[in-house]
Amino acid sequence: MTTIRNSSPNTVRTGTTSPVEKTAQTVAAQTTAPAAARRNVVADTFDSAASKVKGAVNKLFGKSDKVFDGVMVGAGGQTFPAGTPMGQVPGVTPRNNPNPSETVLYVNGIQNDKDTQFASMQQIADRTGAKVVGVHNATEGIVADLAQCVADKLDKGKNPAVDSMADAIYTELKAGRGVHVMAHSQGALVTSRALKDVANRLRIEDGLSKADVEKKMSGVKVETFGGAAANFPDGPQYVHYVNNKDIVPTWFGQGNGKGVDEWARNGGKGAVIKRFEFGSGIGGAHSLADAYLPQRQPFDQARAAK
């Protein structure tokens, strides 16, 4: 018989293992695996929590696409430098019509990166039947975006999207072409500031009278969806869509039509405000795709229905 000695000096083992030893080995194996598994679960839970925290921080304080601020956005999400004439940007076309006759200039709201804006442009093209060219209003996270909204409200500070939008509109008007603008959320603030800049340029640089400025700017069609802007300059043709369940336009934009502060809101001379009720919460009630675009009517039809 072969004997095997272990490290314990007084223990002698044969080549066989007793039932007690087998049980002990089995228990040891079973207790080791769950412990490792528990460590893996703890590690996975920690990684998941860390990922969620990182996502929340990015949302609040910025996962910036500032490099695209004010650029023109076209087909396939391509970007073009600010100041590129609209006619030189290959726009997003409707899926069922590669050669639309009209072009829309679209500026997005807060927390929209370039790719999110591009997705909205495709939705607008499919809904309207028009080609869509974008001016990108970059995001730096909700905190920075909201701070910029306050500055836009006060018409303070530099916003590249405002400058780009103003240049695009001014260039088209100077060339004798009309412009059709669409804006969502903060995009309405960008549009309001840009239109004021265009009016000032026409008055100061081109020497037009107030009446002539308004006449020139009547070639601009403006549609806002859940807009955060309460005031717009006279001249352009306006249609403002307001979901009365959406706090963005009802608190900060064109109001709900019943507030005591309605006197302080000006959608622009002759503006048409289309009110409706849809959804709930900032996500459901403020969504461009779900809440607003389904309510949109052809521009002339919406204006005639006032």
Protein backbone atom coordinates (compact mmCIF):
# COMPACT_ATOMS: atom_id res chain seq x y z
CA MET A 1 0.00 0.00 0.00
CA THR A 2 1.26 3.43 -0.88
CA THR A 3 1.15 6.03 1.83
CA ILE A 4 0.98 9.76 1.22
CA ARG A 5 2.07 12.18 3.85
CA ASN A 6 0.77 15.73 3.87
CA SER A 7 2.26 18.76 5.50
CA SER A 8 0.79 17.78 8.85
CA PRO A 9 3.43 15.60 10.58
CA ASN A 10 0.96 13.30 12.36
CA THR A 11 -1.42 12.57 9.49
CA VAL A 12 -1.04 9.50 7.31
CA ARG A 13 -3.29 9.02 4.25
CA THR A 14 -3.90 6.05 2.06
CA GLY A 15 -4.78 6.33 -1.59
CA THR A 16 -8.48 6.28 -0.77
CA THR A 17 -10.63 9.18 0.45
CA SER A 18 -13.09 8.74 3.25
CA PRO A 19 -16.77 9.77 2.88
CA VAL A 20 -16.18 12.53 5.42
CA GLU A 21 -13.31 13.93 3.37
CA LYS A 22 -15.38 13.78 0.19
CA THR A 23 -18.17 15.71 1.86
CA ALA A 24 -15.75 18.32 3.12
CA GLN A 25 -14.22 18.78 -0.36
CA THR A 26 -17.67 19.11 -1.95
CA VAL A 27 -18.78 21.71 0.58
CA ALA A 28 -15.54 23.66 0.07
CA ALA A 29 -16.03 23.69 -3.71
CA GLN A 30 -19.63 24.78 -3.39
CA THR A 31 -18.85 27.62 -1.01
CA THR A 32 -15.97 28.93 -3.13
CA ALA A 33 -17.97 29.38 -6.38
CA PRO A 34 -20.86 31.40 -4.91
CA ALA A 35 -18.39 33.73 -3.19
CA ALA A 36 -16.73 34.48 -6.54
CA ALA A 37 -20.11 34.87 -8.15
CA ARG A 38 -21.13 37.30 -5.45
CA ARG A 39 -17.98 39.33 -6.06
CA ASN A 40 -18.84 39.47 -9.79
CA VAL A 41 -22.38 40.60 -9.06
CA VAL A 42 -21.10 43.35 -6.76
CA ALA A 43 -18.60 44.45 -9.42
CA ASP A 44 -21.26 44.46 -12.15
CA THR A 45 -23.66 46.42 -9.95
CA PHE A 46 -20.95 48.98 -9.18
CA ASP A 47 -20.08 49.36 -12.88
CA SER A 48 -23.75 49.79 -13.76
CA ALA A 49 -24.25 52.41 -11.06
CA ALA A 50 -21.09 54.24 -12.11
CA SER A 51 -22.29 54.26 -15.71
CA LYS A 52 -25.64 55.73 -14.68
CA VAL A 53 -23.96 58.42 -12.60
CA LYS A 54 -21.66 59.28 -15.50
CA GLY A 55 -24.65 59.51 -17.83
CA ALA A 56 -26.48 61.81 -15.41
CA VAL A 57 -23.43 64.06 -15.05
CA ASN A 58 -23.03 64.23 -18.82
CA LYS A 59 -26.69 65.13 -19.16
CA LEU A 60 -26.46 67.86 -16.56
CA PHE A 61 -23.06 69.35 -17.13
CA GLY A 62 -22.21 68.50 -20.65
CA LYS A 63 -21.31 65.97 -23.17
CA SER A 64 -20.64 68.79 -25.52
CA ASP A 65 -20.88 68.89 -29.28
CA LYS A 66 -19.81 72.53 -29.20
CA VAL A 67 -17.51 71.91 -32.15
CA PHE A 68 -20.65 71.88 -34.31
CA ASP A 69 -22.21 75.03 -32.86
CA GLY A 70 -23.68 77.17 -35.63
CA VAL A 71 -22.66 74.86 -38.48
CA MET A 72 -25.01 74.03 -41.32
CA VAL A 73 -26.29 70.44 -41.35
CA GLY A 74 -27.32 68.61 -44.49
CA ALA A 75 -28.00 65.20 -46.00
CA GLY A 76 -26.50 62.27 -44.14
CA GLY A 77 -25.72 64.51 -41.17
CA GLN A 78 -22.90 66.21 -43.11
CA THR A 79 -21.79 69.55 -41.70
CA PHE A 80 -20.79 72.70 -43.54
CA PRO A 81 -19.17 75.86 -42.16
CA ALA A 82 -21.36 78.61 -40.78
CA GLY A 83 -22.10 81.10 -43.53
CA THR A 84 -22.39 78.47 -46.26
CA PRO A 85 -25.31 79.60 -48.47
CA MET A 86 -28.38 77.41 -48.10
CA GLY A 87 -28.29 76.55 -51.79
CA GLN A 88 -24.85 74.99 -51.38
CA VAL A 89 -25.95 72.61 -48.62
CA PRO A 90 -27.41 69.30 -49.85
CA GLY A 91 -30.50 69.15 -47.69
CA VAL A 92 -32.38 66.23 -46.20
CA THR A 93 -35.14 65.18 -48.59
CA PRO A 94 -38.39 63.29 -47.97
CA ARG A 95 -38.09 59.53 -48.31
CA ASN A 96 -40.78 59.55 -51.02
CA ASN A 97 -39.58 62.62 -52.92
CA PRO A 98 -35.91 63.23 -53.78
CA ASN A 99 -36.65 66.51 -55.58
CA PRO A 100 -38.85 68.73 -53.38
CA SER A 101 -39.65 72.24 -54.55
CA GLU A 102 -39.33 73.99 -51.17
CA THR A 103 -36.51 74.27 -48.64
CA VAL A 104 -36.95 74.64 -44.88
CA LEU A 105 -34.27 76.04 -42.55
CA TYR A 106 -34.51 74.24 -39.20
CA VAL A 107 -32.90 75.07 -35.84
CA ASN A 108 -33.16 72.67 -32.90
CA GLY A 109 -33.75 73.06 -29.18
CA ILE A 110 -31.75 72.13 -26.08
CA GLN A 111 -30.04 68.78 -25.47
CA ASN A 112 -29.96 67.95 -29.18
CA ASP A 113 -26.60 66.88 -30.53
CA LYS A 114 -25.96 67.00 -34.25
CA ASP A 115 -27.19 63.47 -34.91
CA THR A 116 -30.40 64.08 -32.97
CA GLN A 117 -31.02 67.20 -35.02
CA PHE A 118 -30.41 65.26 -38.21
CA ALA A 119 -33.05 62.70 -37.17
CA SER A 120 -35.52 65.55 -36.58
CA MET A 121 -34.69 66.99 -40.00
CA GLN A 122 -35.67 63.70 -41.63
CA GLN A 123 -38.96 63.70 -39.70
CA ILE A 124 -39.67 67.26 -40.82
CA ALA A 125 -38.85 66.43 -44.44
CA ASP A 126 -41.17 63.42 -44.39
CA ARG A 127 -43.96 65.41 -42.74
CA THR A 128 -43.75 68.56 -44.89
CA GLY A 129 -42.51 67.21 -48.22
CA ALA A 130 -39.77 69.86 -48.20
CA LYS A 131 -35.99 69.69 -48.29
CA VAL A 132 -34.53 70.55 -44.89
CA VAL A 133 -31.27 72.34 -44.11
CA GLY A 134 -30.23 72.70 -40.49
CA VAL A 135 -28.52 75.32 -38.39
CA HIS A 136 -27.12 73.47 -35.40
CA ASN A 137 -27.73 74.80 -31.91
CA ALA A 138 -25.12 72.80 -29.98
CA THR A 139 -25.67 71.22 -26.57
CA GLU A 140 -23.34 71.28 -23.57
CA GLY A 141 -25.71 69.52 -21.17
CA ILE A 142 -28.95 70.75 -19.67
CA VAL A 143 -27.38 73.17 -17.17
CA ALA A 144 -25.34 75.04 -19.78
CA ASP A 145 -28.19 74.88 -22.30
CA LEU A 146 -30.66 76.43 -19.87
CA ALA A 147 -28.16 79.16 -18.99
CA GLN A 148 -27.87 79.94 -22.69
CA CYS A 149 -31.66 80.10 -22.94
CA VAL A 150 -31.67 82.81 -20.27
CA ALA A 151 -29.04 84.75 -22.21
CA ASP A 152 -31.05 84.35 -25.42
CA LYS A 153 -34.15 85.59 -23.60
CA LEU A 154 -32.26 88.71 -22.60
CA ASP A 155 -30.65 88.98 -26.05
CA LYS A 156 -27.24 88.86 -24.38
CA GLY A 157 -24.05 87.03 -25.16
CA LYS A 158 -22.83 85.33 -28.30
CA ASN A 159 -24.69 82.35 -29.67
CA PRO A 160 -23.13 80.96 -32.88
CA ALA A 161 -26.46 79.46 -33.94
CA VAL A 162 -28.03 82.93 -33.82
CA ASP A 163 -25.27 84.38 -36.00
CA SER A 164 -25.48 81.51 -38.48
CA MET A 165 -29.26 81.73 -38.70
CA ALA A 166 -29.16 85.50 -39.18
CA ASP A 167 -26.54 85.21 -41.94
CA ALA A 168 -28.58 82.57 -43.77
CA ILE A 169 -31.80 84.59 -43.66
CA TYR A 170 -30.14 87.88 -44.55
CA THR A 171 -28.30 86.31 -47.52
CA GLU A 172 -31.51 84.81 -48.90
CA LEU A 173 -33.48 88.03 -48.52
CA LYS A 174 -30.73 90.09 -50.16
CA ALA A 175 -30.82 87.66 -53.10
CA GLY A 176 -34.55 88.23 -53.45
CA ARG A 177 -35.52 84.78 -52.15
CA GLY A 178 -37.95 83.93 -49.41
CA VAL A 179 -37.01 81.78 -46.42
CA HIS A 180 -39.08 79.18 -44.58
CA VAL A 181 -37.89 78.70 -41.00
CA MET A 182 -38.89 76.03 -38.50
CA ALA A 183 -37.77 75.99 -34.86
CA HIS A 184 -38.34 73.82 -31.82
CA SER A 185 -38.02 74.84 -28.16
CA GLN A 186 -34.86 76.97 -27.69
CA GLY A 187 -34.68 77.09 -31.47
CA ALA A 188 -37.49 79.66 -31.28
CA LEU A 189 -35.28 81.87 -29.10
CA VAL A 190 -32.46 81.48 -31.61
CA THR A 191 -34.87 82.41 -34.41
CA SER A 192 -36.27 85.43 -32.55
CA ARG A 193 -32.78 86.82 -31.93
CA ALA A 194 -31.69 86.10 -35.49
CA LEU A 195 -34.71 87.86 -36.97
CA LYS A 196 -34.03 90.92 -34.82
CA ASP A 197 -30.43 90.91 -36.06
CA VAL A 198 -31.62 90.68 -39.68
CA ALA A 199 -34.00 93.62 -39.14
CA ASN A 200 -31.16 95.69 -37.67
CA ARG A 201 -28.86 94.86 -40.60
CA LEU A 202 -31.51 95.83 -43.13
CA ARG A 203 -32.08 99.08 -41.32
CA ILE A 204 -28.45 100.01 -40.55
CA GLU A 205 -26.43 98.42 -43.35
CA ASP A 206 -28.99 98.78 -46.13
CA GLY A 207 -30.60 102.01 -44.91
CA LEU A 208 -34.18 100.72 -45.08
CA SER A 209 -36.97 102.41 -43.22
CA LYS A 210 -38.94 100.55 -40.55
CA ALA A 211 -41.78 100.01 -43.01
CA ASP A 212 -39.42 98.77 -45.72
CA VAL A 213 -37.72 96.43 -43.27
CA GLU A 214 -41.05 94.85 -42.39
CA LYS A 215 -41.96 94.57 -46.06
CA LYS A 216 -38.64 92.90 -46.86
CA MET A 217 -39.00 90.50 -43.97
CA SER A 218 -42.49 89.49 -45.02
CA GLY A 219 -40.66 87.05 -47.28
CA VAL A 220 -39.79 85.00 -44.17
CA LYS A 221 -42.18 82.26 -43.07
CA VAL A 222 -41.70 81.13 -39.49
CA GLU A 223 -43.13 78.09 -37.72
CA THR A 224 -42.30 77.43 -34.08
CA PHE A 225 -43.11 74.26 -32.15
CA GLY A 226 -43.15 74.46 -28.36
CA GLY A 227 -41.12 77.65 -28.66
CA ALA A 228 -39.50 79.28 -25.63
CA ALA A 229 -39.58 82.77 -27.19
CA ALA A 230 -42.24 85.23 -26.05
CA ASN A 231 -41.47 88.02 -28.51
CA PHE A 232 -40.76 88.24 -32.24
CA PRO A 233 -40.17 91.22 -34.53
CA ASP A 234 -42.90 92.38 -36.88
CA GLY A 235 -42.63 91.62 -40.58
CA PRO A 236 -42.30 87.85 -41.02
CA GLN A 237 -45.33 85.58 -41.33
CA TYR A 238 -45.72 83.48 -38.21
CA VAL A 239 -47.46 80.30 -37.10
CA HIS A 240 -46.74 79.25 -33.51
CA TYR A 241 -47.78 75.80 -32.30
CA VAL A 242 -48.44 75.64 -28.56
CA ASN A 243 -49.32 72.50 -26.64
CA ASN A 244 -51.15 73.80 -23.58
CA LYS A 245 -49.79 70.82 -21.62
CA ASP A 246 -46.22 71.83 -22.45
CA ILE A 247 -44.63 74.17 -19.90
CA VAL A 248 -41.98 75.43 -22.31
CA PRO A 249 -44.26 77.55 -24.52
CA THR A 250 -46.92 78.17 -21.88
CA TRP A 251 -44.48 79.47 -19.26
CA PHE A 252 -41.75 80.98 -21.41
CA GLY A 253 -43.13 81.35 -24.94
CA GLN A 254 -46.51 82.36 -26.31
CA GLY A 255 -48.40 81.39 -23.15
CA ASN A 256 -51.62 79.44 -22.80
CA GLY A 257 -53.84 82.30 -23.97
CA LYS A 258 -55.32 82.89 -20.52
CA GLY A 259 -52.51 84.22 -18.33
CA VAL A 260 -52.49 87.68 -16.83
CA ASP A 261 -49.15 88.27 -18.54
CA GLU A 262 -50.41 87.65 -22.08
CA TRP A 263 -49.98 91.35 -22.79
CA ALA A 264 -46.21 90.88 -22.48
CA ARG A 265 -46.10 88.25 -25.23
CA ASN A 266 -45.85 89.17 -28.90
CA GLY A 267 -45.78 86.48 -31.55
CA GLY A 268 -45.21 89.10 -34.24
CA LYS A 269 -47.75 91.19 -36.12
CA GLY A 270 -50.49 88.99 -37.56
CA ALA A 271 -49.13 85.82 -35.92
CA VAL A 272 -51.34 82.74 -35.84
CA ILE A 273 -51.15 80.64 -32.68
CA LYS A 274 -52.38 77.05 -32.97
CA ARG A 275 -53.19 75.66 -29.54
CA PHE A 276 -53.91 72.04 -28.69
CA GLU A 277 -53.54 69.56 -25.84
CA PHE A 278 -51.44 66.42 -26.01
CA GLY A 279 -49.50 64.13 -23.69
CA SER A 280 -48.05 64.87 -20.28
CA GLY A 281 -44.69 65.61 -18.75
CA ILE A 282 -41.83 67.45 -20.40
CA GLY A 283 -40.95 64.40 -22.49
CA GLY A 284 -44.35 63.54 -23.88
CA ALA A 285 -45.82 67.04 -24.18
CA HIS A 286 -42.72 68.74 -25.59
CA SER A 287 -41.62 66.15 -28.16
CA LEU A 288 -41.24 67.52 -31.67
CA ALA A 289 -41.96 64.17 -33.31
CA ASP A 290 -44.81 62.99 -31.10
CA ALA A 291 -46.54 66.12 -29.82
CA TYR A 292 -45.95 68.80 -32.45
CA LEU A 293 -45.35 67.53 -35.97
CA PRO A 294 -48.63 65.54 -36.05
CA GLN A 295 -50.45 68.85 -35.33
CA ARG A 296 -48.69 70.73 -38.09
CA GLN A 297 -50.72 71.97 -41.05
CA PRO A 298 -49.44 73.26 -44.40
CA PHE A 299 -48.26 76.81 -43.77
CA ASP A 300 -50.75 78.70 -45.94
CA GLN A 301 -53.60 76.58 -44.65
CA ALA A 302 -52.62 77.27 -41.04
CA ARG A 303 -52.39 81.00 -41.74
CA ALA A 304 -55.75 81.10 -43.52
CA ALA A 305 -57.49 79.36 -40.64
CA LYS A 306 -56.79 82.17 -38.19
